[in-house]
PDB file of N, CA and C in Angstrom:
ATOM      1  N   MET A   1       0.545  -0.587   0.187  1.00  0.00           N
ATOM      2  CA  MET A   1      -0.523  -0.058  -0.175  1.00  0.00           C
ATOM      3  C   MET A   1       0.936   1.450   0.414  1.00  0.00           C
ATOM      4  N   ILE A   2       0.553   1.941  -0.117  1.00  0.00           N
ATOM      5  CA  ILE A   2       1.337   3.523  -0.241  1.00  0.00           C
ATOM      6  C   ILE A   2       0.236   4.453  -0.184  1.00  0.00           C
ATOM      7  N   TYR A   3       0.355   5.607   0.155  1.00  0.00           N
ATOM      8  CA  TYR A   3      -0.122   6.351   1.552  1.00  0.00           C
ATOM      9  C   TYR A   3      -0.228   8.113   1.254  1.00  0.00           C
ATOM     10  N   PHE A   4      -1.099   8.505   0.516  1.00  0.00           N
ATOM     11  CA  PHE A   4      -1.090  10.183   0.667  1.00  0.00           C
ATOM     12  C   PHE A   4      -1.701  10.787   1.357  1.00  0.00           C
ATOM     13  N   GLY A   5      -1.280  11.753   1.825  1.00  0.00           N
ATOM     14  CA  GLY A   5      -1.396  13.071   2.562  1.00  0.00           C
ATOM     15  C   GLY A   5      -2.322  14.216   2.106  1.00  0.00           C
ATOM     16  N   TYR A   6      -3.485  14.699   2.322  1.00  0.00           N
ATOM     17  CA  TYR A   6      -3.980  15.987   1.866  1.00  0.00           C
ATOM     18  C   TYR A   6      -4.367  17.322   3.166  1.00  0.00           C
ATOM     19  N   GLN A   7      -3.677  18.827   3.228  1.00  0.00           N
ATOM     20  CA  GLN A   7      -4.074  19.232   4.394  1.00  0.00           C
ATOM     21  C   GLN A   7      -4.586  20.032   3.215  1.00  0.00           C
ATOM     22  N   VAL A   8      -6.099  20.196   3.819  1.00  0.00           N
ATOM     23  CA  VAL A   8      -6.983  21.965   3.323  1.00  0.00           C
ATOM     24  C   VAL A   8      -7.383  22.583   4.393  1.00  0.00           C
ATOM     25  N   THR A   9      -6.632  23.528   3.897  1.00  0.00           N
ATOM     26  CA  THR A   9      -7.201  25.369   4.471  1.00  0.00           C
ATOM     27  C   THR A   9      -8.268  25.847   4.341  1.00  0.00           C
ATOM     28  N   PRO A  10      -9.266  25.911   4.979  1.00  0.00           N
ATOM     29  CA  PRO A  10     -10.609  26.418   4.498  1.00  0.00           C
ATOM     30  C   PRO A  10     -10.448  27.546   4.672  1.00  0.00           C
ATOM     31  N   VAL A  11     -11.225  28.181   4.170  1.00  0.00           N
ATOM     32  CA  VAL A  11     -11.685  29.727   3.746  1.00  0.00           C
ATOM     33  C   VAL A  11     -12.415  29.903   5.413  1.00  0.00           C
ATOM     34  N   PRO A  12     -12.105  31.153   5.781  1.00  0.00           N
ATOM     35  CA  PRO A  12     -12.466  31.348   6.969  1.00  0.00           C
ATOM     36  C   PRO A  12     -14.175  31.793   7.115  1.00  0.00           C
ATOM     37  N   GLY A  13     -14.890  30.748   7.673  1.00  0.00           N
ATOM     38  CA  GLY A  13     -16.081  30.620   7.852  1.00  0.00           C
ATOM     39  C   GLY A  13     -16.255  29.540   7.186  1.00  0.00           C
ATOM     40  N   LYS A  14     -16.105  28.645   6.372  1.00  0.00           N
ATOM     41  CA  LYS A  14     -16.474  28.250   5.744  1.00  0.00           C
ATOM     42  C   LYS A  14     -16.087  26.152   5.676  1.00  0.00           C
ATOM     43  N   ARG A  15     -15.033  26.194   7.113  1.00  0.00           N
ATOM     44  CA  ARG A  15     -14.803  24.952   7.677  1.00  0.00           C
ATOM     45  C   ARG A  15     -15.798  23.299   7.470  1.00  0.00           C
ATOM     46  N   ASP A  16     -16.959  23.716   8.046  1.00  0.00           N
ATOM     47  CA  ASP A  16     -18.459  23.053   7.962  1.00  0.00           C
ATOM     48  C   ASP A  16     -18.765  22.632   6.893  1.00  0.00           C
ATOM     49  N   ALA A  17     -19.027  24.049   5.786  1.00  0.00           N
ATOM     50  CA  ALA A  17     -19.439  23.623   4.953  1.00  0.00           C
ATOM     51  C   ALA A  17     -18.344  22.461   4.120  1.00  0.00           C
ATOM     52  N   LEU A  18     -17.118  23.043   3.675  1.00  0.00           N
ATOM     53  CA  LEU A  18     -16.495  21.496   3.830  1.00  0.00           C
ATOM     54  C   LEU A  18     -16.315  20.746   4.000  1.00  0.00           C
ATOM     55  N   ILE A  19     -16.831  20.070   5.592  1.00  0.00           N
ATOM     56  CA  ILE A  19     -16.706  18.871   6.000  1.00  0.00           C
ATOM     57  C   ILE A  19     -17.914  18.375   5.162  1.00  0.00           C
ATOM     58  N   GLU A  20     -19.259  19.296   4.961  1.00  0.00           N
ATOM     59  CA  GLU A  20     -19.950  18.280   4.962  1.00  0.00           C
ATOM     60  C   GLU A  20     -20.404  17.762   3.527  1.00  0.00           C
ATOM     61  N   THR A  21     -19.049  18.419   2.788  1.00  0.00           N
ATOM     62  CA  THR A  21     -19.299  17.603   1.031  1.00  0.00           C
ATOM     63  C   THR A  21     -17.671  16.106   1.455  1.00  0.00           C
ATOM     64  N   ASN A  22     -17.798  15.492   2.738  1.00  0.00           N
ATOM     65  CA  ASN A  22     -16.949  14.077   2.861  1.00  0.00           C
ATOM     66  C   ASN A  22     -17.191  13.684   2.459  1.00  0.00           C
ATOM     67  N   GLY A  23     -18.600  13.208   2.450  1.00  0.00           N
ATOM     68  CA  GLY A  23     -19.413  11.834   2.225  1.00  0.00           C
ATOM     69  C   GLY A  23     -19.633  12.106   0.590  1.00  0.00           C
ATOM     70  N   ARG A  24     -19.800  13.250  -0.114  1.00  0.00           N
ATOM     71  CA  ARG A  24     -19.651  12.289  -1.683  1.00  0.00           C
ATOM     72  C   ARG A  24     -18.347  12.442  -2.095  1.00  0.00           C
ATOM     73  N   PHE A  25     -17.181  13.326  -1.767  1.00  0.00           N
ATOM     74  CA  PHE A  25     -15.755  12.837  -1.682  1.00  0.00           C
ATOM     75  C   PHE A  25     -15.328  11.433  -1.310  1.00  0.00           C
ATOM     76  N   LYS A  26     -15.378  10.924  -0.201  1.00  0.00           N
ATOM     77  CA  LYS A  26     -14.911   9.278  -0.040  1.00  0.00           C
ATOM     78  C   LYS A  26     -15.872   8.625  -0.712  1.00  0.00           C
ATOM     79  N   LYS A  27     -17.256   8.641  -1.283  1.00  0.00           N
ATOM     80  CA  LYS A  27     -18.303   8.054  -1.993  1.00  0.00           C
ATOM     81  C   LYS A  27     -16.938   8.084  -3.644  1.00  0.00           C
ATOM     82  N   ILE A  28     -16.579   9.210  -4.484  1.00  0.00           N
ATOM     83  CA  ILE A  28     -15.965   9.147  -5.654  1.00  0.00           C
ATOM     84  C   ILE A  28     -15.235   8.719  -5.642  1.00  0.00           C
ATOM     85  N   LEU A  29     -13.694   9.077  -4.424  1.00  0.00           N
ATOM     86  CA  LEU A  29     -12.512   8.373  -4.317  1.00  0.00           C
ATOM     87  C   LEU A  29     -12.657   6.804  -3.771  1.00  0.00           C
ATOM     88  N   GLU A  30     -13.984   6.055  -3.498  1.00  0.00           N
ATOM     89  CA  GLU A  30     -13.926   5.089  -3.349  1.00  0.00           C
ATOM     90  C   GLU A  30     -14.201   4.045  -5.344  1.00  0.00           C
ATOM     91  N   SER A  31     -14.951   5.103  -4.938  1.00  0.00           N
ATOM     92  CA  SER A  31     -15.262   4.919  -7.177  1.00  0.00           C
ATOM     93  C   SER A  31     -14.218   3.925  -8.039  1.00  0.00           C
ATOM     94  N   VAL A  32     -13.624   4.868  -7.540  1.00  0.00           N
ATOM     95  CA  VAL A  32     -11.896   4.863  -8.651  1.00  0.00           C
ATOM     96  C   VAL A  32     -11.030   4.200  -8.502  1.00  0.00           C
ATOM     97  N   GLY A  33     -10.678   3.965  -6.684  1.00  0.00           N
ATOM     98  CA  GLY A  33     -10.269   2.415  -5.868  1.00  0.00           C
ATOM     99  C   GLY A  33      -9.234   3.359  -5.048  1.00  0.00           C
ATOM    100  N   ALA A  34      -9.614   4.386  -4.404  1.00  0.00           N
ATOM    101  CA  ALA A  34      -9.016   4.626  -3.565  1.00  0.00           C
ATOM    102  C   ALA A  34      -9.690   4.499  -1.906  1.00  0.00           C
ATOM    103  N   LYS A  35      -8.780   4.531  -0.795  1.00  0.00           N
ATOM    104  CA  LYS A  35      -9.155   3.628   0.014  1.00  0.00           C
ATOM    105  C   LYS A  35      -9.620   4.994   1.199  1.00  0.00           C
ATOM    106  N   LEU A  36     -10.267   5.291   1.866  1.00  0.00           N
ATOM    107  CA  LEU A  36     -10.459   6.685   2.573  1.00  0.00           C
ATOM    108  C   LEU A  36      -9.548   6.079   4.610  1.00  0.00           C
ATOM    109  N   ILE A  37      -8.170   6.467   4.632  1.00  0.00           N
ATOM    110  CA  ILE A  37      -7.946   5.668   5.667  1.00  0.00           C
ATOM    111  C   ILE A  37      -8.134   6.472   7.073  1.00  0.00           C
ATOM    112  N   GLY A  38      -8.077   7.211   6.496  1.00  0.00           N
ATOM    113  CA  GLY A  38      -8.783   8.273   7.996  1.00  0.00           C
ATOM    114  C   GLY A  38      -9.216  10.302   7.615  1.00  0.00           C
ATOM    115  N   SER A  39     -10.116  11.147   8.428  1.00  0.00           N
ATOM    116  CA  SER A  39     -10.481  12.214   7.784  1.00  0.00           C
ATOM    117  C   SER A  39     -10.076  12.509   9.527  1.00  0.00           C
ATOM    118  N   PHE A  40      -8.925  14.035   9.320  1.00  0.00           N
ATOM    119  CA  PHE A  40      -9.184  14.604  10.608  1.00  0.00           C
ATOM    120  C   PHE A  40      -9.460  16.202  10.443  1.00  0.00           C
ATOM    121  N   GLN A  41      -9.607  16.748  11.500  1.00  0.00           N
ATOM    122  CA  GLN A  41      -9.379  18.319  11.504  1.00  0.00           C
ATOM    123  C   GLN A  41      -8.576  18.566  12.957  1.00  0.00           C
ATOM    124  N   VAL A  42      -7.904  19.744  12.938  1.00  0.00           N
ATOM    125  CA  VAL A  42      -6.504  19.934  13.577  1.00  0.00           C
ATOM    126  C   VAL A  42      -7.698  20.815  14.302  1.00  0.00           C
ATOM    127  N   GLY A  43      -7.133  20.455  15.599  1.00  0.00           N
ATOM    128  CA  GLY A  43      -7.933  20.776  16.899  1.00  0.00           C
ATOM    129  C   GLY A  43      -7.505  21.808  17.838  1.00  0.00           C
ATOM    130  N   LEU A  44      -6.151  21.404  17.323  1.00  0.00           N
ATOM    131  CA  LEU A  44      -5.420  22.389  18.352  1.00  0.00           C
ATOM    132  C   LEU A  44      -3.931  22.997  18.703  1.00  0.00           C
ATOM    133  N   GLY A  45      -3.735  23.876  18.335  1.00  0.00           N
ATOM    134  CA  GLY A  45      -2.210  24.373  17.764  1.00  0.00           C
ATOM    135  C   GLY A  45      -2.280  25.091  16.216  1.00  0.00           C
ATOM    136  N   GLN A  46      -0.978  24.916  16.002  1.00  0.00           N
ATOM    137  CA  GLN A  46      -0.939  25.017  14.418  1.00  0.00           C
ATOM    138  C   GLN A  46      -1.587  24.815  13.320  1.00  0.00           C
ATOM    139  N   GLY A  47      -2.312  25.244  12.695  1.00  0.00           N
ATOM    140  CA  GLY A  47      -3.155  24.729  11.838  1.00  0.00           C
ATOM    141  C   GLY A  47      -4.069  24.803  12.254  1.00  0.00           C
ATOM    142  N   ASP A  48      -4.761  25.016  13.569  1.00  0.00           N
ATOM    143  CA  ASP A  48      -5.656  24.473  13.850  1.00  0.00           C
ATOM    144  C   ASP A  48      -7.122  25.102  12.822  1.00  0.00           C
ATOM    145  N   GLY A  49      -8.420  24.220  12.369  1.00  0.00           N
ATOM    146  CA  GLY A  49      -9.418  24.067  11.682  1.00  0.00           C
ATOM    147  C   GLY A  49      -9.030  23.687  10.675  1.00  0.00           C
ATOM    148  N   THR A  50      -7.369  22.859   9.880  1.00  0.00           N
ATOM    149  CA  THR A  50      -6.736  22.010   9.031  1.00  0.00           C
ATOM    150  C   THR A  50      -7.797  21.066   9.120  1.00  0.00           C
ATOM    151  N   LEU A  51      -8.188  20.975   7.822  1.00  0.00           N
ATOM    152  CA  LEU A  51      -8.688  19.558   7.535  1.00  0.00           C
ATOM    153  C   LEU A  51      -7.766  18.821   6.821  1.00  0.00           C
ATOM    154  N   VAL A  52      -7.069  17.198   7.669  1.00  0.00           N
ATOM    155  CA  VAL A  52      -6.422  16.376   7.254  1.00  0.00           C
ATOM    156  C   VAL A  52      -6.833  14.896   6.944  1.00  0.00           C
ATOM    157  N   TYR A  53      -6.096  14.800   5.232  1.00  0.00           N
ATOM    158  CA  TYR A  53      -6.655  13.167   5.145  1.00  0.00           C
ATOM    159  C   TYR A  53      -6.121  12.650   4.262  1.00  0.00           C
ATOM    160  N   ILE A  54      -6.332  11.311   4.983  1.00  0.00           N
ATOM    161  CA  ILE A  54      -5.337   9.956   4.228  1.00  0.00           C
ATOM    162  C   ILE A  54      -5.719   9.441   3.312  1.00  0.00           C
ATOM    163  N   LEU A  55      -5.147   8.918   2.352  1.00  0.00           N
ATOM    164  CA  LEU A  55      -5.572   8.125   1.222  1.00  0.00           C
ATOM    165  C   LEU A  55      -4.503   7.527   1.268  1.00  0.00           C
ATOM    166  N   ALA A  56      -5.592   5.412   0.631  1.00  0.00           N
ATOM    167  CA  ALA A  56      -4.148   4.774   0.556  1.00  0.00           C
ATOM    168  C   ALA A  56      -4.599   4.339  -0.818  1.00  0.00           C
ATOM    169  N   TYR A  57      -3.569   3.967  -1.152  1.00  0.00           N
ATOM    170  CA  TYR A  57      -3.920   3.144  -3.179  1.00  0.00           C
ATOM    171  C   TYR A  57      -2.916   1.824  -2.944  1.00  0.00           C
ATOM    172  N   GLU A  58      -3.589   0.929  -3.399  1.00  0.00           N
ATOM    173  CA  GLU A  58      -2.670  -0.296  -3.292  1.00  0.00           C
ATOM    174  C   GLU A  58      -1.107  -0.296  -3.880  1.00  0.00           C
ATOM    175  N   ASP A  59      -0.775   0.417  -4.892  1.00  0.00           N
ATOM    176  CA  ASP A  59       0.899   1.013  -5.140  1.00  0.00           C
ATOM    177  C   ASP A  59       0.252   1.915  -6.482  1.00  0.00           C
ATOM    178  N   MET A  60       1.834   2.568  -6.738  1.00  0.00           N
ATOM    179  CA  MET A  60       1.873   3.821  -7.519  1.00  0.00           C
ATOM    180  C   MET A  60       1.175   3.809  -8.786  1.00  0.00           C
ATOM    181  N   THR A  61       0.742   2.448  -9.253  1.00  0.00           N
ATOM    182  CA  THR A  61       0.286   2.498 -10.469  1.00  0.00           C
ATOM    183  C   THR A  61      -1.694   2.881 -10.532  1.00  0.00           C
ATOM    184  N   ALA A  62      -1.435   2.106  -9.352  1.00  0.00           N
ATOM    185  CA  ALA A  62      -3.501   1.767  -9.385  1.00  0.00           C
ATOM    186  C   ALA A  62      -3.976   3.518  -8.521  1.00  0.00           C
ATOM    187  N   ALA A  63      -3.063   4.396  -8.414  1.00  0.00           N
ATOM    188  CA  ALA A  63      -2.841   5.764  -7.433  1.00  0.00           C
ATOM    189  C   ALA A  63      -3.288   6.424  -8.646  1.00  0.00           C
ATOM    190  N   THR A  64      -2.463   6.218  -9.969  1.00  0.00           N
ATOM    191  CA  THR A  64      -1.749   6.852 -11.345  1.00  0.00           C
ATOM    192  C   THR A  64      -3.307   6.773 -11.763  1.00  0.00           C
ATOM    193  N   ALA A  65      -3.498   5.946 -11.500  1.00  0.00           N
ATOM    194  CA  ALA A  65      -5.256   5.183 -12.729  1.00  0.00           C
ATOM    195  C   ALA A  65      -6.106   5.616 -12.443  1.00  0.00           C
ATOM    196  N   ALA A  66      -5.867   5.693 -10.937  1.00  0.00           N
ATOM    197  CA  ALA A  66      -7.281   6.911  -9.632  1.00  0.00           C
ATOM    198  C   ALA A  66      -7.522   8.495 -10.313  1.00  0.00           C
ATOM    199  N   TRP A  67      -5.928   9.087  -9.981  1.00  0.00           N
ATOM    200  CA  TRP A  67      -5.928  10.138 -10.099  1.00  0.00           C
ATOM    201  C   TRP A  67      -6.505  10.539 -12.212  1.00  0.00           C
ATOM    202  N   LYS A  68      -6.755   9.773 -12.779  1.00  0.00           N
ATOM    203  CA  LYS A  68      -6.766  10.102 -14.389  1.00  0.00           C
ATOM    204  C   LYS A  68      -8.187   9.717 -14.287  1.00  0.00           C
ATOM    205  N   LYS A  69      -8.889   8.647 -13.720  1.00  0.00           N
ATOM    206  CA  LYS A  69     -10.177   8.682 -13.649  1.00  0.00           C
ATOM    207  C   LYS A  69     -10.428   9.626 -13.520  1.00  0.00           C
ATOM    208  N   LEU A  70     -10.506  10.038 -11.622  1.00  0.00           N
ATOM    209  CA  LEU A  70     -11.078  11.201 -11.453  1.00  0.00           C
ATOM    210  C   LEU A  70     -11.092  12.761 -12.343  1.00  0.00           C
ATOM    211  N   GLU A  71      -9.489  12.759 -13.333  1.00  0.00           N
ATOM    212  CA  GLU A  71      -9.877  13.988 -13.753  1.00  0.00           C
ATOM    213  C   GLU A  71     -10.925  13.750 -14.917  1.00  0.00           C
ATOM    214  N   LYS A  72     -11.882  12.682 -15.062  1.00  0.00           N
ATOM    215  CA  LYS A  72     -12.766  12.179 -16.279  1.00  0.00           C
ATOM    216  C   LYS A  72     -13.587  12.511 -15.991  1.00  0.00           C
ATOM    217  N   ASP A  73     -14.131  12.319 -14.272  1.00  0.00           N
ATOM    218  CA  ASP A  73     -15.072  12.304 -13.087  1.00  0.00           C
ATOM    219  C   ASP A  73     -16.338  13.398 -13.403  1.00  0.00           C
ATOM    220  N   ALA A  74     -17.188  13.534 -13.873  1.00  0.00           N
ATOM    221  CA  ALA A  74     -17.825  14.633 -14.002  1.00  0.00           C
ATOM    222  C   ALA A  74     -18.615  15.158 -12.476  1.00  0.00           C
ATOM    223  N   GLU A  75     -19.260  13.879 -11.587  1.00  0.00           N
ATOM    224  CA  GLU A  75     -18.832  14.584  -9.840  1.00  0.00           C
ATOM    225  C   GLU A  75     -18.186  14.880  -9.440  1.00  0.00           C
ATOM    226  N   TYR A  76     -17.143  13.804 -10.146  1.00  0.00           N
ATOM    227  CA  TYR A  76     -16.006  14.841  -8.507  1.00  0.00           C
ATOM    228  C   TYR A  76     -15.692  16.050  -9.054  1.00  0.00           C
ATOM    229  N   GLN A  77     -15.118  16.327 -10.497  1.00  0.00           N
ATOM    230  CA  GLN A  77     -15.178  17.689 -11.144  1.00  0.00           C
ATOM    231  C   GLN A  77     -16.517  18.669 -10.429  1.00  0.00           C
ATOM    232  N   SER A  78     -17.250  18.208 -10.362  1.00  0.00           N
ATOM    233  CA  SER A  78     -18.361  19.174  -9.447  1.00  0.00           C
ATOM    234  C   SER A  78     -18.305  19.399  -8.417  1.00  0.00           C
ATOM    235  N   VAL A  79     -17.848  18.779  -7.333  1.00  0.00           N
ATOM    236  CA  VAL A  79     -17.218  18.446  -5.656  1.00  0.00           C
ATOM    237  C   VAL A  79     -16.176  20.030  -5.787  1.00  0.00           C
ATOM    238  N   VAL A  80     -15.571  19.184  -6.783  1.00  0.00           N
ATOM    239  CA  VAL A  80     -14.176  20.560  -6.722  1.00  0.00           C
ATOM    240  C   VAL A  80     -14.592  21.731  -7.267  1.00  0.00           C
ATOM    241  N   LYS A  81     -15.369  21.825  -8.231  1.00  0.00           N
ATOM    242  CA  LYS A  81     -15.525  23.044  -7.868  1.00  0.00           C
ATOM    243  C   LYS A  81     -17.047  23.731  -6.919  1.00  0.00           C
ATOM    244  N   GLN A  82     -17.395  23.493  -6.261  1.00  0.00           N
ATOM    245  CA  GLN A  82     -18.136  23.683  -5.126  1.00  0.00           C
ATOM    246  C   GLN A  82     -17.623  23.814  -4.067  1.00  0.00           C
ATOM    247  N   THR A  83     -16.222  22.915  -4.060  1.00  0.00           N
ATOM    248  CA  THR A  83     -15.071  24.141  -2.570  1.00  0.00           C
ATOM    249  C   THR A  83     -14.110  24.677  -3.437  1.00  0.00           C
ATOM    250  N   GLU A  84     -13.832  24.938  -4.210  1.00  0.00           N
ATOM    251  CA  GLU A  84     -13.248  26.158  -4.531  1.00  0.00           C
ATOM    252  C   GLU A  84     -13.299  27.212  -3.532  1.00  0.00           C
ATOM    253  N   ALA A  85     -14.367  27.695  -3.939  1.00  0.00           N
ATOM    254  CA  ALA A  85     -13.831  29.311  -3.535  1.00  0.00           C
ATOM    255  C   ALA A  85     -14.464  28.571  -1.289  1.00  0.00           C
ATOM    256  N   MET A  86     -14.543  27.266  -0.828  1.00  0.00           N
ATOM    257  CA  MET A  86     -14.312  27.336   0.744  1.00  0.00           C
ATOM    258  C   MET A  86     -12.646  27.384   0.766  1.00  0.00           C
ATOM    259  N   THR A  87     -11.756  26.866   0.080  1.00  0.00           N
ATOM    260  CA  THR A  87     -10.303  26.270   0.112  1.00  0.00           C
ATOM    261  C   THR A  87     -10.128  27.523  -0.059  1.00  0.00           C
ATOM    262  N   ALA A  88      -9.165  27.314   1.371  1.00  0.00           N
ATOM    263  CA  ALA A  88      -7.644  28.715   0.841  1.00  0.00           C
ATOM    264  C   ALA A  88      -6.528  28.295   0.275  1.00  0.00           C
ATOM    265  N   SER A  89      -6.138  26.372   0.854  1.00  0.00           N
ATOM    266  CA  SER A  89      -5.271  26.105   0.213  1.00  0.00           C
ATOM    267  C   SER A  89      -5.279  24.494   0.074  1.00  0.00           C
ATOM    268  N   VAL A  90      -4.263  23.821  -0.548  1.00  0.00           N
ATOM    269  CA  VAL A  90      -4.400  22.642  -0.593  1.00  0.00           C
ATOM    270  C   VAL A  90      -2.749  22.075  -0.188  1.00  0.00           C
ATOM    271  N   ASN A  91      -2.632  21.016   0.362  1.00  0.00           N
ATOM    272  CA  ASN A  91      -1.120  21.023   0.342  1.00  0.00           C
ATOM    273  C   ASN A  91      -1.163  19.227   0.269  1.00  0.00           C
ATOM    274  N   SER A  92      -0.506  18.775  -0.050  1.00  0.00           N
ATOM    275  CA  SER A  92      -1.072  17.128  -0.371  1.00  0.00           C
ATOM    276  C   SER A  92       0.925  16.613  -1.044  1.00  0.00           C
ATOM    277  N   GLY A  93       1.215  15.364  -0.575  1.00  0.00           N
ATOM    278  CA  GLY A  93       2.003  14.739  -0.824  1.00  0.00           C
ATOM    279  C   GLY A  93       2.026  12.900  -0.913  1.00  0.00           C
ATOM    280  N   LEU A  94       2.663  12.444  -1.451  1.00  0.00           N
ATOM    281  CA  LEU A  94       3.499  10.933  -1.013  1.00  0.00           C
ATOM    282  C   LEU A  94       3.523  11.029   0.392  1.00  0.00           C
ATOM    283  N   LEU A  95       3.363  10.152   0.980  1.00  0.00           N
ATOM    284  CA  LEU A  95       3.399  10.029   2.783  1.00  0.00           C
ATOM    285  C   LEU A  95       4.096   8.550   2.820  1.00  0.00           C
ATOM    286  N   LEU A  96       5.283   8.551   3.414  1.00  0.00           N
ATOM    287  CA  LEU A  96       6.256   7.128   3.141  1.00  0.00           C
ATOM    288  C   LEU A  96       6.550   6.697   4.428  1.00  0.00           C
ATOM    289  N   PRO A  97       6.082   5.502   4.737  1.00  0.00           N
ATOM    290  CA  PRO A  97       6.154   5.403   6.899  1.00  0.00           C
ATOM    291  C   PRO A  97       7.676   5.253   6.342  1.00  0.00           C
ATOM    292  N   LEU A  98       7.559   5.066   7.958  1.00  0.00           N
ATOM    293  CA  LEU A  98       9.375   5.509   8.989  1.00  0.00           C
ATOM    294  C   LEU A  98       8.867   3.978   8.830  1.00  0.00           C
ATOM    295  N   PRO A  99      10.017   4.096   9.689  1.00  0.00           N
ATOM    296  CA  PRO A  99      10.579   2.690  10.028  1.00  0.00           C
ATOM    297  C   PRO A  99       9.900   1.804  11.164  1.00  0.00           C
ATOM    298  N   ASN A 100       8.873   2.572  12.310  1.00  0.00           N
ATOM    299  CA  ASN A 100       8.476   1.852  13.243  1.00  0.00           C
ATOM    300  C   ASN A 100       6.685   2.446  13.355  1.00  0.00           C
ATOM    301  N   SER A 101       6.684   2.823  11.771  1.00  0.00           N
ATOM    302  CA  SER A 101       5.457   2.902  11.269  1.00  0.00           C
ATOM    303  C   SER A 101       4.423   1.989  11.271  1.00  0.00           C
ATOM    304  N   PRO A 102       3.090   1.499  12.162  1.00  0.00           N
ATOM    305  CA  PRO A 102       2.296   0.186  12.267  1.00  0.00           C
ATOM    306  C   PRO A 102       2.005   0.213  10.373  1.00  0.00           C
ATOM    307  N   LEU A 103       1.624   1.053   9.737  1.00  0.00           N
ATOM    308  CA  LEU A 103       1.100   1.252   8.534  1.00  0.00           C
ATOM    309  C   LEU A 103       2.281   1.149   7.510  1.00  0.00           C
ATOM    310  N   ARG A 104       2.180   0.337   6.241  1.00  0.00           N
ATOM    311  CA  ARG A 104       2.989  -0.110   5.718  1.00  0.00           C
ATOM    312  C   ARG A 104       2.370   0.324   4.238  1.00  0.00           C
TER     313      ARG A 104
END
């Protein structure tokens, strides 16, 4: 398995509206082969209110195939368009497990 992490910083006042889209995103992501490992909100400290998502894919080939499917998926594009005005920034990247990580 490989993992990708996403940090989404909501526009002030739009966090709850973004959270409401989670169900749609999860359904779409799973339809293209991604597995949502967890979704979190930073509740204290730097980044308070930031939303954090961890997705898993079987391997890099599966991840690449999923991204290509998403580019063509009308429902995904609709959700992205809906959430753009609510999103201040997104940071994402491949997560590499450390030697003591239970996720491999």
